[in-house]
Every structure is written in structure tokens, then in C-alpha cells.
C-alpha atoms as a PDB file:
ATOM      1  CA  MET A   1       0.018  -0.169   0.016  1.00  0.00           C
ATOM      2  CA  SER A   2       1.449   3.429  -0.957  1.00  0.00           C
ATOM      3  CA  LEU A   3       0.165   6.237   1.455  1.00  0.00           C
ATOM      4  CA  HIS A   4      -0.339   9.563  -0.378  1.00  0.00           C
ATOM      5  CA  ARG A   5      -1.135  13.308   0.596  1.00  0.00           C
ATOM      6  CA  LEU A   6      -3.231  15.701  -2.116  1.00  0.00           C
ATOM      7  CA  ILE A   7      -3.534  18.827  -0.889  1.00  0.00           C
ATOM      8  CA  TYR A   8      -5.641  21.583  -3.480  1.00  0.00           C
ATOM      9  CA  LYS A   9      -7.676  24.874  -3.568  1.00  0.00           C
ATOM     10  CA  SER A  10     -10.778  25.686  -5.250  1.00  0.00           C
ATOM     11  CA  VAL A  11     -12.951  28.574  -5.951  1.00  0.00           C
ATOM     12  CA  SER A  12     -16.367  27.814  -4.309  1.00  0.00           C
ATOM     13  CA  LYS A  13     -19.488  28.400  -7.034  1.00  0.00           C
ATOM     14  CA  HIS A  14     -21.856  28.507  -3.534  1.00  0.00           C
ATOM     15  CA  PRO A  15     -21.960  30.589  -0.624  1.00  0.00           C
ATOM     16  CA  LEU A  16     -19.723  28.631   1.867  1.00  0.00           C
ATOM     17  CA  SER A  17     -22.832  28.749   4.798  1.00  0.00           C
ATOM     18  CA  SER A  18     -22.471  26.633   7.986  1.00  0.00           C
ATOM     19  CA  ASP A  19     -24.948  24.267   6.424  1.00  0.00           C
ATOM     20  CA  PHE A  20     -23.512  24.149   2.914  1.00  0.00           C
ATOM     21  CA  LEU A  21     -20.329  23.098   4.816  1.00  0.00           C
ATOM     22  CA  LYS A  22     -22.289  20.354   7.192  1.00  0.00           C
ATOM     23  CA  SER A  23     -23.871  18.740   4.210  1.00  0.00           C
ATOM     24  CA  LEU A  24     -20.246  18.654   2.385  1.00  0.00           C
ATOM     25  CA  GLU A  25     -19.103  17.218   5.629  1.00  0.00           C
ATOM     26  CA  GLU A  26     -21.469  14.406   6.057  1.00  0.00           C
ATOM     27  CA  ILE A  27     -21.488  13.492   2.345  1.00  0.00           C
ATOM     28  CA  SER A  28     -17.530  13.399   2.281  1.00  0.00           C
ATOM     29  CA  LYS A  29     -17.400  11.513   5.318  1.00  0.00           C
ATOM     30  CA  LYS A  30     -19.123   8.355   4.193  1.00  0.00           C
ATOM     31  CA  ASN A  31     -17.425   8.750   0.750  1.00  0.00           C
ATOM     32  CA  ASN A  32     -13.884   9.068   2.294  1.00  0.00           C
ATOM     33  CA  ALA A  33     -14.451   6.409   4.744  1.00  0.00           C
ATOM     34  CA  ALA A  34     -15.619   3.701   2.642  1.00  0.00           C
ATOM     35  CA  LEU A  35     -12.353   4.367   0.529  1.00  0.00           C
ATOM     36  CA  ASP A  36     -10.056   4.716   4.105  1.00  0.00           C
ATOM     37  CA  VAL A  37      -9.125   8.375   2.742  1.00  0.00           C
ATOM     38  CA  THR A  38      -8.754  10.909   5.686  1.00  0.00           C
ATOM     39  CA  GLY A  39      -8.352  14.657   5.442  1.00  0.00           C
ATOM     40  CA  ILE A  40      -9.403  17.926   6.745  1.00  0.00           C
ATOM     41  CA  LEU A  41     -11.115  21.067   4.172  1.00  0.00           C
ATOM     42  CA  LEU A  42     -11.181  24.674   4.994  1.00  0.00           C
ATOM     43  CA  GLY A  43     -13.618  26.855   3.579  1.00  0.00           C
ATOM     44  CA  THR A  44     -12.650  30.715   3.569  1.00  0.00           C
ATOM     45  CA  ASN A  45     -15.359  33.263   2.202  1.00  0.00           C
ATOM     46  CA  ALA A  46     -14.790  32.252  -1.428  1.00  0.00           C
ATOM     47  CA  SER A  47     -12.210  29.132  -1.500  1.00  0.00           C
ATOM     48  CA  PHE A  48     -11.602  25.598  -0.642  1.00  0.00           C
ATOM     49  CA  LEU A  49      -8.462  24.151   0.657  1.00  0.00           C
ATOM     50  CA  GLN A  50      -8.474  20.459   1.526  1.00  0.00           C
ATOM     51  CA  VAL A  51      -5.574  17.768   2.332  1.00  0.00           C
ATOM     52  CA  LEU A  52      -6.462  14.222   1.561  1.00  0.00           C
ATOM     53  CA  GLU A  53      -4.630  11.408   2.905  1.00  0.00           C
ATOM     54  CA  GLY A  54      -4.799   7.560   1.672  1.00  0.00           C
ATOM     55  CA  GLU A  55      -3.635   4.940  -0.306  1.00  0.00           C
ATOM     56  CA  GLU A  56      -2.960   6.219  -3.986  1.00  0.00           C
ATOM     57  CA  SER A  57      -5.707   5.137  -6.026  1.00  0.00           C
ATOM     58  CA  ASN A  58      -8.498   6.106  -3.519  1.00  0.00           C
ATOM     59  CA  VAL A  59      -6.857   9.632  -2.931  1.00  0.00           C
ATOM     60  CA  ASN A  60      -6.610  10.019  -6.964  1.00  0.00           C
ATOM     61  CA  ARG A  61     -10.488   8.926  -6.838  1.00  0.00           C
ATOM     62  CA  ILE A  62     -11.686  11.044  -4.936  1.00  0.00           C
ATOM     63  CA  TYR A  63      -9.610  14.297  -6.530  1.00  0.00           C
ATOM     64  CA  ASN A  64     -10.984  13.238  -9.489  1.00  0.00           C
ATOM     65  CA  LYS A  65     -14.458  13.223  -8.417  1.00  0.00           C
ATOM     66  CA  ILE A  66     -13.817  16.564  -6.866  1.00  0.00           C
ATOM     67  CA  CYS A  67     -12.597  17.894 -10.497  1.00  0.00           C
ATOM     68  CA  ARG A  68     -15.754  16.943 -12.065  1.00  0.00           C
ATOM     69  CA  ASP A  69     -17.691  19.007  -8.812  1.00  0.00           C
ATOM     70  CA  SER A  70     -19.877  21.765 -10.095  1.00  0.00           C
ATOM     71  CA  ARG A  71     -19.380  23.361  -6.871  1.00  0.00           C
ATOM     72  CA  HIS A  72     -15.817  23.569  -7.364  1.00  0.00           C
ATOM     73  CA  ALA A  73     -13.911  25.929  -9.953  1.00  0.00           C
ATOM     74  CA  ASP A  74     -10.385  27.137 -10.753  1.00  0.00           C
ATOM     75  CA  ILE A  75      -8.739  23.890  -8.848  1.00  0.00           C
ATOM     76  CA  GLU A  76      -5.295  23.744  -8.320  1.00  0.00           C
ATOM     77  CA  LEU A  77      -3.111  20.687  -7.321  1.00  0.00           C
ATOM     78  CA  ILE A  78      -0.958  22.626  -4.924  1.00  0.00           C
ATOM     79  CA  SER A  79       1.138  19.284  -3.603  1.00  0.00           C
ATOM     80  CA  TYR A  80       1.005  15.637  -4.053  1.00  0.00           C
ATOM     81  CA  ARG A  81       3.622  13.207  -2.747  1.00  0.00           C
ATOM     82  CA  GLN A  82       3.968  10.049  -0.852  1.00  0.00           C
ATOM     83  CA  ILE A  83       3.863  10.119   2.480  1.00  0.00           C
ATOM     84  CA  SER A  84       4.995   7.467   5.444  1.00  0.00           C
ATOM     85  CA  GLN A  85       2.156   8.474   7.714  1.00  0.00           C
ATOM     86  CA  ARG A  86      -1.049  10.087   8.115  1.00  0.00           C
ATOM     87  CA  GLU A  87      -1.318  13.608   9.774  1.00  0.00           C
ATOM     88  CA  PHE A  88      -5.247  14.152   9.573  1.00  0.00           C
ATOM     89  CA  SER A  89      -6.095  10.499  10.538  1.00  0.00           C
ATOM     90  CA  GLU A  90      -8.513  11.647  13.285  1.00  0.00           C
ATOM     91  CA  TRP A  91     -11.555  12.215  10.801  1.00  0.00           C
ATOM     92  CA  SER A  92     -12.523  11.062   7.111  1.00  0.00           C
ATOM     93  CA  MET A  93     -13.477  14.327   6.560  1.00  0.00           C
ATOM     94  CA  LYS A  94     -13.555  17.361   8.708  1.00  0.00           C
ATOM     95  CA  CYS A  95     -14.984  20.919   7.694  1.00  0.00           C
ATOM     96  CA  LEU A  96     -13.616  24.114   9.239  1.00  0.00           C
ATOM     97  CA  SER A  97     -14.929  27.367   7.968  1.00  0.00           C
ATOM     98  CA  VAL A  98     -13.011  30.699   8.544  1.00  0.00           C
ATOM     99  CA  GLY A  99     -16.114  32.001   9.427  1.00  0.00           C
ATOM    100  CA  ILE A 100     -17.143  30.393  12.446  1.00  0.00           C
ATOM    101  CA  MET A 101     -13.882  30.610  14.025  1.00  0.00           C
ATOM    102  CA  GLY A 102     -12.941  32.462  17.020  1.00  0.00           C
ATOM    103  CA  ARG A 103     -11.598  36.005  16.568  1.00  0.00           C
ATOM    104  CA  ILE A 104      -7.931  34.820  18.324  1.00  0.00           C
ATOM    105  CA  VAL A 105      -7.594  31.863  15.815  1.00  0.00           C
ATOM    106  CA  THR A 106      -8.631  33.792  12.628  1.00  0.00           C
ATOM    107  CA  GLU A 107      -5.969  36.734  13.580  1.00  0.00           C
ATOM    108  CA  GLN A 108      -3.295  34.677  14.224  1.00  0.00           C
ATOM    109  CA  LEU A 109      -3.822  32.403  11.070  1.00  0.00           C
ATOM    110  CA  LYS A 110      -4.643  35.569   9.220  1.00  0.00           C
ATOM    111  CA  LYS A 111      -1.074  36.855  11.092  1.00  0.00           C
ATOM    112  CA  LYS A 112       0.878  33.763  10.313  1.00  0.00           C
ATOM    113  CA  TYR A 113      -0.391  33.442   6.571  1.00  0.00           C
ATOM    114  CA  GLY A 114      -1.806  36.854   5.196  1.00  0.00           C
ATOM    115  CA  GLU A 115      -5.272  38.084   4.305  1.00  0.00           C
ATOM    116  CA  ARG A 116      -6.386  40.091   1.567  1.00  0.00           C
ATOM    117  CA  ASN A 117      -9.874  41.823   1.756  1.00  0.00           C
ATOM    118  CA  SER A 118     -10.344  40.496   5.382  1.00  0.00           C
ATOM    119  CA  ASP A 119     -10.146  37.246   4.110  1.00  0.00           C
ATOM    120  CA  LEU A 120      -7.653  34.440   4.731  1.00  0.00           C
ATOM    121  CA  ILE A 121      -4.979  33.941   2.176  1.00  0.00           C
ATOM    122  CA  ILE A 122      -4.771  30.279   1.023  1.00  0.00           C
ATOM    123  CA  PRO A 123      -1.160  29.633   0.109  1.00  0.00           C
ATOM    124  CA  THR A 124      -0.285  28.144  -3.243  1.00  0.00           C
ATOM    125  CA  ASP A 125       3.199  26.532  -1.931  1.00  0.00           C
ATOM    126  CA  GLY A 126       2.389  23.219  -0.569  1.00  0.00           C
ATOM    127  CA  ASP A 127       4.716  23.237   2.481  1.00  0.00           C
ATOM    128  CA  LYS A 128       2.801  26.114   3.721  1.00  0.00           C
ATOM    129  CA  ALA A 129      -0.774  24.859   2.294  1.00  0.00           C
ATOM    130  CA  PHE A 130       0.050  21.511   4.742  1.00  0.00           C
ATOM    131  CA  ALA A 131       1.053  23.787   7.963  1.00  0.00           C
ATOM    132  CA  LEU A 132      -2.220  26.297   7.368  1.00  0.00           C
ATOM    133  CA  LEU A 133      -4.065  22.287   7.615  1.00  0.00           C
ATOM    134  CA  PHE A 134      -2.213  21.334  10.055  1.00  0.00           C
ATOM    135  CA  ASP A 135      -2.535  24.474  12.423  1.00  0.00           C
ATOM    136  CA  LEU A 136      -6.171  24.213  12.165  1.00  0.00           C
ATOM    137  CA  ALA A 137      -6.231  20.362  12.755  1.00  0.00           C
ATOM    138  CA  PHE A 138      -3.628  21.396  16.062  1.00  0.00           C
ATOM    139  CA  PHE A 139      -7.015  24.103  17.299  1.00  0.00           C
ATOM    140  CA  GLN A 140      -9.418  21.576  16.450  1.00  0.00           C
ATOM    141  CA  LYS A 141      -7.546  18.671  18.494  1.00  0.00           C
ATOM    142  CA  SER A 142      -6.698  21.386  21.374  1.00  0.00           C
ATOM    143  CA  GLY A 143     -10.160  22.969  21.610  1.00  0.00           C
ATOM    144  CA  ASP A 144      -9.071  26.571  21.121  1.00  0.00           C
ATOM    145  CA  LEU A 145     -10.845  26.714  17.581  1.00  0.00           C
ATOM    146  CA  LEU A 146     -13.621  28.837  18.902  1.00  0.00           C
ATOM    147  CA  GLN A 147     -11.286  31.506  20.659  1.00  0.00           C
END
């Protein structure tokens, strides 16, 4: 088995409301769990940043499905690499929104990764994108996400 990590960003064709993200999370949890793929998705005002981890063919299958999904536009593959272990194994999918994060966390992330038009900048560098998602997972696990 060959574990891989894929990170992409895209523009949402729909407003990223809490209800929309909850629905997306529930569907993704089922689909990803069936393929033993784990990950986390960040929704900003208009963009997605997502990491998928799992067996190479299963990660590719989900990514190809995302590329055909009408909810996404301007999909950009940021990073794709073989890994020795998962970093997001706690979730078959976890959807997080900048809109529901606490002010302190949001300001910390904007300070570290930048902001444009009051929105968190999604990095296009693979290492920085991974670091942002890793930071989000840390805040989520520690219970500090809403501060």
C-alpha cells in the first residue's frame, strides 16, 4: 500500500454557509470512510483548501470526482506526494470555516499566512498549505478553534 497526501485549492461556486459545509462534511465523511481516505477541508469566504490522505488510487479517485464537481471552479493542485504516515487520521473528513473560528485563532492565522480583503489567504506553496491545515487540525484537537 502506498500512502499519498494531496492538497488542492479551489473557488466555491456556492456561498460557503454553515449548512452547506455541514452537508458537504456528512457526504464526504461517508465517501472517504468507504475508501479509507482521511483529511480536512477549510472554507474561507469563497475558497476551499483541502488535504486528502490515503492509498494512492483512492486519493486519486476522490480528487478526480472533486475535479468534476460543479461546486468547484479554478481547481489548483498544490501538493501531491508519497507519505509514510497520515497527519489527519482523526477524520475521514472535517470541514472547518473561517467564519466559525474564533477571533483570536482567525487573527493568528491571518498574521501567519496573510489576508486579502479581510479574508485568509490560501497559500499556493505546498509546505505552507500543509502548515495551515496542520495548524487548523491542532486548534481543532486542542479545543481552541472557537477562541
